[in-house]
């Protein structure tokens, strides 16, 4: 068994630090499908977090569990500033 580099508590704290900030989200949908979008981290809950995409026409899931981040199927990082 491969030990993860982080644990759920550390992931929850990191996500909570991004609350109401712009984040870049990368979601691995499987079968070589990857979805990338930018949005605002709008909710942090005990079992999941929600992201409000900046694109109004976005059709997709915007609530993710911390386990998805731990497994690597969802990646969340602060948005890069356009300068």
PDB file of N, CA and C in Angstrom:
ATOM      1  N   UNK A   1       0.841  -1.188   0.000  1.00  0.00           N
ATOM      2  CA  UNK A   1       0.000   0.000   0.000  1.00  0.00           C
ATOM      3  C   UNK A   1       0.881   1.244   0.000  1.00  0.00           C
ATOM      4  N   UNK A   2       0.537   2.182  -0.844  1.00  0.00           N
ATOM      5  CA  UNK A   2       1.269   3.436  -0.926  1.00  0.00           C
ATOM      6  C   UNK A   2       0.662   4.413   0.066  1.00  0.00           C
ATOM      7  N   UNK A   3       1.492   4.981   0.921  1.00  0.00           N
ATOM      8  CA  UNK A   3       0.994   5.950   1.896  1.00  0.00           C
ATOM      9  C   UNK A   3       0.828   7.311   1.231  1.00  0.00           C
ATOM     10  N   UNK A   4      -0.316   7.937   1.429  1.00  0.00           N
ATOM     11  CA  UNK A   4      -0.504   9.271   0.861  1.00  0.00           C
ATOM     12  C   UNK A   4       0.397  10.296   1.550  1.00  0.00           C
ATOM     13  N   UNK A   5       0.763  11.331   0.810  1.00  0.00           N
ATOM     14  CA  UNK A   5       1.627  12.378   1.350  1.00  0.00           C
ATOM     15  C   UNK A   5       0.887  13.269   2.342  1.00  0.00           C
ATOM     16  N   UNK A   6      -0.412  13.329   2.208  1.00  0.00           N
ATOM     17  CA  UNK A   6      -1.222  14.163   3.095  1.00  0.00           C
ATOM     18  C   UNK A   6      -2.381  13.341   3.638  1.00  0.00           C
ATOM     19  N   UNK A   7      -3.101  13.936   4.549  1.00  0.00           N
ATOM     20  CA  UNK A   7      -4.287  13.274   5.073  1.00  0.00           C
ATOM     21  C   UNK A   7      -5.501  14.183   4.867  1.00  0.00           C
ATOM     22  N   UNK A   8      -6.675  13.644   5.145  1.00  0.00           N
ATOM     23  CA  UNK A   8      -7.925  14.377   4.918  1.00  0.00           C
ATOM     24  C   UNK A   8      -7.956  15.684   5.711  1.00  0.00           C
ATOM     25  N   UNK A   9      -7.489  15.677   6.937  1.00  0.00           N
ATOM     26  CA  UNK A   9      -7.526  16.885   7.767  1.00  0.00           C
ATOM     27  C   UNK A   9      -6.700  18.004   7.136  1.00  0.00           C
ATOM     28  N   UNK A  10      -5.539  17.670   6.603  1.00  0.00           N
ATOM     29  CA  UNK A  10      -4.696  18.688   5.968  1.00  0.00           C
ATOM     30  C   UNK A  10      -5.352  19.212   4.686  1.00  0.00           C
ATOM     31  N   UNK A  11      -5.988  18.320   3.941  1.00  0.00           N
ATOM     32  CA  UNK A  11      -6.686  18.739   2.719  1.00  0.00           C
ATOM     33  C   UNK A  11      -7.853  19.658   3.068  1.00  0.00           C
ATOM     34  N   UNK A  12      -8.629  19.317   4.100  1.00  0.00           N
ATOM     35  CA  UNK A  12      -9.747  20.161   4.521  1.00  0.00           C
ATOM     36  C   UNK A  12      -9.269  21.549   4.910  1.00  0.00           C
ATOM     37  N   UNK A  13      -8.152  21.637   5.624  1.00  0.00           N
ATOM     38  CA  UNK A  13      -7.621  22.929   6.041  1.00  0.00           C
ATOM     39  C   UNK A  13      -7.160  23.745   4.837  1.00  0.00           C
ATOM     40  N   UNK A  14      -6.499  23.089   3.890  1.00  0.00           N
ATOM     41  CA  UNK A  14      -6.042  23.784   2.688  1.00  0.00           C
ATOM     42  C   UNK A  14      -7.210  24.324   1.890  1.00  0.00           C
ATOM     43  N   UNK A  15      -8.249  23.504   1.706  1.00  0.00           N
ATOM     44  CA  UNK A  15      -9.446  23.940   0.977  1.00  0.00           C
ATOM     45  C   UNK A  15     -10.129  25.080   1.728  1.00  0.00           C
ATOM     46  N   UNK A  16     -10.213  24.992   3.049  1.00  0.00           N
ATOM     47  CA  UNK A  16     -10.844  26.046   3.849  1.00  0.00           C
ATOM     48  C   UNK A  16     -10.090  27.370   3.701  1.00  0.00           C
ATOM     49  N   UNK A  17      -8.778  27.304   3.512  1.00  0.00           N
ATOM     50  CA  UNK A  17      -7.987  28.528   3.311  1.00  0.00           C
ATOM     51  C   UNK A  17      -8.333  29.220   1.997  1.00  0.00           C
ATOM     52  N   UNK A  18      -8.849  28.473   1.019  1.00  0.00           N
ATOM     53  CA  UNK A  18      -9.219  29.034  -0.288  1.00  0.00           C
ATOM     54  C   UNK A  18     -10.656  29.549  -0.316  1.00  0.00           C
ATOM     55  N   UNK A  19     -11.373  29.490   0.801  1.00  0.00           N
ATOM     56  CA  UNK A  19     -12.788  29.863   0.843  1.00  0.00           C
ATOM     57  C   UNK A  19     -13.008  31.274   0.320  1.00  0.00           C
ATOM     58  N   UNK A  20     -13.973  31.424  -0.583  1.00  0.00           N
ATOM     59  CA  UNK A  20     -14.352  32.677  -1.241  1.00  0.00           C
ATOM     60  C   UNK A  20     -13.206  33.304  -2.023  1.00  0.00           C
ATOM     61  N   UNK A  21     -12.318  32.480  -2.539  1.00  0.00           N
ATOM     62  CA  UNK A  21     -11.231  32.943  -3.404  1.00  0.00           C
ATOM     63  C   UNK A  21     -11.337  32.230  -4.737  1.00  0.00           C
ATOM     64  N   UNK A  22     -10.710  32.818  -5.758  1.00  0.00           N
ATOM     65  CA  UNK A  22     -10.688  32.204  -7.080  1.00  0.00           C
ATOM     66  C   UNK A  22      -9.718  31.025  -7.084  1.00  0.00           C
ATOM     67  N   UNK A  23     -10.173  29.897  -7.635  1.00  0.00           N
ATOM     68  CA  UNK A  23      -9.343  28.695  -7.701  1.00  0.00           C
ATOM     69  C   UNK A  23      -9.416  28.100  -9.105  1.00  0.00           C
ATOM     70  N   UNK A  24      -8.360  27.393  -9.478  1.00  0.00           N
ATOM     71  CA  UNK A  24      -8.342  26.602 -10.700  1.00  0.00           C
ATOM     72  C   UNK A  24      -8.620  25.161 -10.306  1.00  0.00           C
ATOM     73  N   UNK A  25      -9.580  24.540 -10.969  1.00  0.00           N
ATOM     74  CA  UNK A  25      -9.971  23.171 -10.654  1.00  0.00           C
ATOM     75  C   UNK A  25      -9.690  22.295 -11.872  1.00  0.00           C
ATOM     76  N   UNK A  26      -9.048  21.157 -11.636  1.00  0.00           N
ATOM     77  CA  UNK A  26      -8.803  20.164 -12.675  1.00  0.00           C
ATOM     78  C   UNK A  26      -9.443  18.860 -12.220  1.00  0.00           C
ATOM     79  N   UNK A  27     -10.335  18.324 -13.050  1.00  0.00           N
ATOM     80  CA  UNK A  27     -11.069  17.110 -12.706  1.00  0.00           C
ATOM     81  C   UNK A  27     -10.732  16.040 -13.742  1.00  0.00           C
ATOM     82  N   UNK A  28     -10.282  14.872 -13.263  1.00  0.00           N
ATOM     83  CA  UNK A  28     -10.016  13.736 -14.130  1.00  0.00           C
ATOM     84  C   UNK A  28     -11.305  12.927 -14.230  1.00  0.00           C
ATOM     85  N   UNK A  29     -11.921  12.921 -15.411  1.00  0.00           N
ATOM     86  CA  UNK A  29     -13.196  12.245 -15.607  1.00  0.00           C
ATOM     87  C   UNK A  29     -13.017  10.798 -16.057  1.00  0.00           C
ATOM     88  N   UNK A  30     -11.791  10.362 -16.264  1.00  0.00           N
ATOM     89  CA  UNK A  30     -11.539   9.006 -16.730  1.00  0.00           C
ATOM     90  C   UNK A  30     -11.521   8.931 -18.240  1.00  0.00           C
ATOM     91  N   UNK A  31     -10.960   7.840 -18.759  1.00  0.00           N
ATOM     92  CA  UNK A  31     -10.871   7.624 -20.208  1.00  0.00           C
ATOM     93  C   UNK A  31     -10.247   8.813 -20.925  1.00  0.00           C
ATOM     94  N   UNK A  32      -9.175   9.324 -20.374  1.00  0.00           N
ATOM     95  CA  UNK A  32      -8.410  10.429 -20.956  1.00  0.00           C
ATOM     96  C   UNK A  32      -9.222  11.710 -21.108  1.00  0.00           C
ATOM     97  N   UNK A  33     -10.213  11.911 -20.254  1.00  0.00           N
ATOM     98  CA  UNK A  33     -11.014  13.136 -20.266  1.00  0.00           C
ATOM     99  C   UNK A  33     -10.659  13.957 -19.036  1.00  0.00           C
ATOM    100  N   UNK A  34     -10.257  15.197 -19.278  1.00  0.00           N
ATOM    101  CA  UNK A  34      -9.887  16.094 -18.190  1.00  0.00           C
ATOM    102  C   UNK A  34     -10.667  17.392 -18.367  1.00  0.00           C
ATOM    103  N   UNK A  35     -11.254  17.860 -17.275  1.00  0.00           N
ATOM    104  CA  UNK A  35     -12.023  19.099 -17.283  1.00  0.00           C
ATOM    105  C   UNK A  35     -11.292  20.126 -16.429  1.00  0.00           C
ATOM    106  N   UNK A  36     -11.041  21.303 -17.002  1.00  0.00           N
ATOM    107  CA  UNK A  36     -10.382  22.384 -16.264  1.00  0.00           C
ATOM    108  C   UNK A  36     -11.276  23.608 -16.304  1.00  0.00           C
ATOM    109  N   UNK A  37     -11.429  24.241 -15.145  1.00  0.00           N
ATOM    110  CA  UNK A  37     -12.186  25.489 -15.107  1.00  0.00           C
ATOM    111  C   UNK A  37     -11.734  26.324 -13.923  1.00  0.00           C
ATOM    112  N   UNK A  38     -12.103  27.587 -13.961  1.00  0.00           N
ATOM    113  CA  UNK A  38     -11.777  28.527 -12.898  1.00  0.00           C
ATOM    114  C   UNK A  38     -13.096  28.958 -12.256  1.00  0.00           C
ATOM    115  N   UNK A  39     -13.080  29.109 -10.943  1.00  0.00           N
ATOM    116  CA  UNK A  39     -14.283  29.523 -10.246  1.00  0.00           C
ATOM    117  C   UNK A  39     -13.977  29.949  -8.827  1.00  0.00           C
ATOM    118  N   UNK A  40     -15.031  30.297  -8.114  1.00  0.00           N
ATOM    119  CA  UNK A  40     -14.893  30.731  -6.727  1.00  0.00           C
ATOM    120  C   UNK A  40     -15.287  29.587  -5.802  1.00  0.00           C
ATOM    121  N   UNK A  41     -14.456  29.316  -4.825  1.00  0.00           N
ATOM    122  CA  UNK A  41     -14.778  28.295  -3.828  1.00  0.00           C
ATOM    123  C   UNK A  41     -15.880  28.876  -2.947  1.00  0.00           C
ATOM    124  N   UNK A  42     -17.114  28.415  -3.168  1.00  0.00           N
ATOM    125  CA  UNK A  42     -18.264  29.072  -2.549  1.00  0.00           C
ATOM    126  C   UNK A  42     -18.754  28.412  -1.271  1.00  0.00           C
ATOM    127  N   UNK A  43     -18.370  27.166  -1.018  1.00  0.00           N
ATOM    128  CA  UNK A  43     -18.847  26.514   0.188  1.00  0.00           C
ATOM    129  C   UNK A  43     -17.878  25.461   0.685  1.00  0.00           C
ATOM    130  N   UNK A  44     -17.707  25.424   2.000  1.00  0.00           N
ATOM    131  CA  UNK A  44     -16.865  24.417   2.628  1.00  0.00           C
ATOM    132  C   UNK A  44     -17.710  23.730   3.692  1.00  0.00           C
ATOM    133  N   UNK A  45     -17.910  22.432   3.529  1.00  0.00           N
ATOM    134  CA  UNK A  45     -18.753  21.650   4.417  1.00  0.00           C
ATOM    135  C   UNK A  45     -17.945  20.486   4.992  1.00  0.00           C
ATOM    136  N   UNK A  46     -18.447  19.791   6.003  1.00  0.00           N
ATOM    137  CA  UNK A  46     -17.673  18.704   6.614  1.00  0.00           C
ATOM    138  C   UNK A  46     -17.283  17.577   5.649  1.00  0.00           C
ATOM    139  N   UNK A  47     -18.124  17.252   4.679  1.00  0.00           N
ATOM    140  CA  UNK A  47     -17.834  16.124   3.791  1.00  0.00           C
ATOM    141  C   UNK A  47     -17.470  16.537   2.368  1.00  0.00           C
ATOM    142  N   UNK A  48     -17.765  17.781   1.986  1.00  0.00           N
ATOM    143  CA  UNK A  48     -17.495  18.214   0.613  1.00  0.00           C
ATOM    144  C   UNK A  48     -17.314  19.718   0.541  1.00  0.00           C
ATOM    145  N   UNK A  49     -16.913  20.182  -0.642  1.00  0.00           N
ATOM    146  CA  UNK A  49     -16.795  21.619  -0.897  1.00  0.00           C
ATOM    147  C   UNK A  49     -17.398  21.907  -2.259  1.00  0.00           C
ATOM    148  N   UNK A  50     -17.846  23.141  -2.469  1.00  0.00           N
ATOM    149  CA  UNK A  50     -18.479  23.521  -3.728  1.00  0.00           C
ATOM    150  C   UNK A  50     -17.694  24.645  -4.393  1.00  0.00           C
ATOM    151  N   UNK A  51     -17.720  24.628  -5.716  1.00  0.00           N
ATOM    152  CA  UNK A  51     -17.049  25.645  -6.510  1.00  0.00           C
ATOM    153  C   UNK A  51     -18.069  26.242  -7.465  1.00  0.00           C
ATOM    154  N   UNK A  52     -18.159  27.558  -7.514  1.00  0.00           N
ATOM    155  CA  UNK A  52     -19.053  28.244  -8.437  1.00  0.00           C
ATOM    156  C   UNK A  52     -18.230  28.669  -9.657  1.00  0.00           C
ATOM    157  N   UNK A  53     -18.434  28.018 -10.812  1.00  0.00           N
ATOM    158  CA  UNK A  53     -17.641  28.347 -12.010  1.00  0.00           C
ATOM    159  C   UNK A  53     -17.909  29.774 -12.486  1.00  0.00           C
ATOM    160  N   UNK A  54     -16.875  30.393 -13.052  1.00  0.00           N
ATOM    161  CA  UNK A  54     -17.023  31.741 -13.599  1.00  0.00           C
ATOM    162  C   UNK A  54     -17.846  31.731 -14.887  1.00  0.00           C
ATOM    163  N   UNK A  55     -17.821  30.627 -15.622  1.00  0.00           N
ATOM    164  CA  UNK A  55     -18.550  30.491 -16.879  1.00  0.00           C
ATOM    165  C   UNK A  55     -20.013  30.198 -16.582  1.00  0.00           C
ATOM    166  N   UNK A  56     -20.919  31.060 -17.019  1.00  0.00           N
ATOM    167  CA  UNK A  56     -22.351  30.892 -16.735  1.00  0.00           C
ATOM    168  C   UNK A  56     -22.934  29.690 -17.471  1.00  0.00           C
ATOM    169  N   UNK A  57     -22.354  29.311 -18.607  1.00  0.00           N
ATOM    170  CA  UNK A  57     -22.858  28.182 -19.378  1.00  0.00           C
ATOM    171  C   UNK A  57     -22.258  26.849 -18.966  1.00  0.00           C
ATOM    172  N   UNK A  58     -21.585  26.803 -17.823  1.00  0.00           N
ATOM    173  CA  UNK A  58     -20.918  25.584 -17.369  1.00  0.00           C
ATOM    174  C   UNK A  58     -21.937  24.527 -17.015  1.00  0.00           C
ATOM    175  N   UNK A  59     -21.793  23.355 -17.610  1.00  0.00           N
ATOM    176  CA  UNK A  59     -22.668  22.231 -17.296  1.00  0.00           C
ATOM    177  C   UNK A  59     -21.799  21.132 -16.702  1.00  0.00           C
ATOM    178  N   UNK A  60     -21.908  20.939 -15.437  1.00  0.00           N
ATOM    179  CA  UNK A  60     -21.097  19.908 -14.802  1.00  0.00           C
ATOM    180  C   UNK A  60     -21.241  19.953 -13.293  1.00  0.00           C
ATOM    181  N   UNK A  61     -20.578  19.021 -12.672  1.00  0.00           N
ATOM    182  CA  UNK A  61     -20.614  18.885 -11.223  1.00  0.00           C
ATOM    183  C   UNK A  61     -19.742  19.950 -10.579  1.00  0.00           C
ATOM    184  N   UNK A  62     -20.233  20.588  -9.558  1.00  0.00           N
ATOM    185  CA  UNK A  62     -19.446  21.617  -8.892  1.00  0.00           C
ATOM    186  C   UNK A  62     -19.289  21.355  -7.403  1.00  0.00           C
ATOM    187  N   UNK A  63     -19.624  20.163  -6.943  1.00  0.00           N
ATOM    188  CA  UNK A  63     -19.415  19.777  -5.546  1.00  0.00           C
ATOM    189  C   UNK A  63     -18.486  18.570  -5.537  1.00  0.00           C
ATOM    190  N   UNK A  64     -17.445  18.639  -4.731  1.00  0.00           N
ATOM    191  CA  UNK A  64     -16.439  17.590  -4.713  1.00  0.00           C
ATOM    192  C   UNK A  64     -16.135  17.199  -3.271  1.00  0.00           C
ATOM    193  N   UNK A  65     -15.811  15.930  -3.067  1.00  0.00           N
ATOM    194  CA  UNK A  65     -15.463  15.468  -1.727  1.00  0.00           C
ATOM    195  C   UNK A  65     -13.956  15.608  -1.519  1.00  0.00           C
ATOM    196  N   UNK A  66     -13.562  15.636  -0.262  1.00  0.00           N
ATOM    197  CA  UNK A  66     -12.140  15.730   0.068  1.00  0.00           C
ATOM    198  C   UNK A  66     -11.411  14.455  -0.331  1.00  0.00           C
ATOM    199  N   UNK A  67     -12.123  13.328  -0.354  1.00  0.00           N
ATOM    200  CA  UNK A  67     -11.525  12.059  -0.762  1.00  0.00           C
ATOM    201  C   UNK A  67     -11.123  12.100  -2.232  1.00  0.00           C
ATOM    202  N   UNK A  68     -11.880  12.811  -3.066  1.00  0.00           N
ATOM    203  CA  UNK A  68     -11.527  12.948  -4.478  1.00  0.00           C
ATOM    204  C   UNK A  68     -10.211  13.708  -4.627  1.00  0.00           C
ATOM    205  N   UNK A  69      -9.976  14.678  -3.768  1.00  0.00           N
ATOM    206  CA  UNK A  69      -8.711  15.420  -3.788  1.00  0.00           C
ATOM    207  C   UNK A  69      -7.584  14.512  -3.309  1.00  0.00           C
ATOM    208  N   UNK A  70      -7.833  13.755  -2.255  1.00  0.00           N
ATOM    209  CA  UNK A  70      -6.823  12.845  -1.722  1.00  0.00           C
ATOM    210  C   UNK A  70      -6.416  11.797  -2.754  1.00  0.00           C
ATOM    211  N   UNK A  71      -7.380  11.275  -3.505  1.00  0.00           N
ATOM    212  CA  UNK A  71      -7.101  10.247  -4.516  1.00  0.00           C
ATOM    213  C   UNK A  71      -6.465  10.831  -5.774  1.00  0.00           C
ATOM    214  N   UNK A  72      -6.572  12.134  -5.972  1.00  0.00           N
ATOM    215  CA  UNK A  72      -5.953  12.763  -7.129  1.00  0.00           C
ATOM    216  C   UNK A  72      -6.874  12.948  -8.312  1.00  0.00           C
ATOM    217  N   UNK A  73      -8.155  12.597  -8.184  1.00  0.00           N
ATOM    218  CA  UNK A  73      -9.062  12.791  -9.310  1.00  0.00           C
ATOM    219  C   UNK A  73      -9.522  14.244  -9.431  1.00  0.00           C
ATOM    220  N   UNK A  74      -9.355  15.024  -8.363  1.00  0.00           N
ATOM    221  CA  UNK A  74      -9.676  16.456  -8.385  1.00  0.00           C
ATOM    222  C   UNK A  74      -8.480  17.210  -7.819  1.00  0.00           C
ATOM    223  N   UNK A  75      -8.068  18.267  -8.525  1.00  0.00           N
ATOM    224  CA  UNK A  75      -6.975  19.110  -8.044  1.00  0.00           C
ATOM    225  C   UNK A  75      -7.478  20.541  -7.948  1.00  0.00           C
ATOM    226  N   UNK A  76      -7.199  21.169  -6.817  1.00  0.00           N
ATOM    227  CA  UNK A  76      -7.628  22.544  -6.567  1.00  0.00           C
ATOM    228  C   UNK A  76      -6.395  23.348  -6.191  1.00  0.00           C
ATOM    229  N   UNK A  77      -6.218  24.499  -6.851  1.00  0.00           N
ATOM    230  CA  UNK A  77      -5.113  25.377  -6.507  1.00  0.00           C
ATOM    231  C   UNK A  77      -5.560  26.815  -6.717  1.00  0.00           C
ATOM    232  N   UNK A  78      -4.881  27.757  -6.078  1.00  0.00           N
ATOM    233  CA  UNK A  78      -5.256  29.156  -6.246  1.00  0.00           C
ATOM    234  C   UNK A  78      -5.169  29.570  -7.720  1.00  0.00           C
ATOM    235  N   UNK A  79      -6.081  30.425  -8.143  1.00  0.00           N
ATOM    236  CA  UNK A  79      -6.096  30.871  -9.539  1.00  0.00           C
ATOM    237  C   UNK A  79      -4.879  31.736  -9.814  1.00  0.00           C
ATOM    238  N   UNK A  80      -4.356  31.579 -11.014  1.00  0.00           N
ATOM    239  CA  UNK A  80      -3.242  32.415 -11.437  1.00  0.00           C
ATOM    240  C   UNK A  80      -3.791  33.785 -11.797  1.00  0.00           C
ATOM    241  N   UNK A  81      -3.136  34.780 -11.341  1.00  0.00           N
ATOM    242  CA  UNK A  81      -3.553  36.152 -11.611  1.00  0.00           C
ATOM    243  C   UNK A  81      -3.128  36.557 -13.012  1.00  0.00           C
ATOM    244  N   UNK A  82      -4.048  37.141 -13.760  1.00  0.00           N
ATOM    245  CA  UNK A  82      -3.729  37.662 -15.093  1.00  0.00           C
ATOM    246  C   UNK A  82      -3.157  39.071 -14.922  1.00  0.00           C
ATOM    247  N   UNK A  83      -1.927  39.226 -15.281  1.00  0.00           N
ATOM    248  CA  UNK A  83      -1.287  40.542 -15.106  1.00  0.00           C
ATOM    249  C   UNK A  83      -0.845  41.113 -16.421  1.00  0.00           C
TER     250      UNK A  83
END
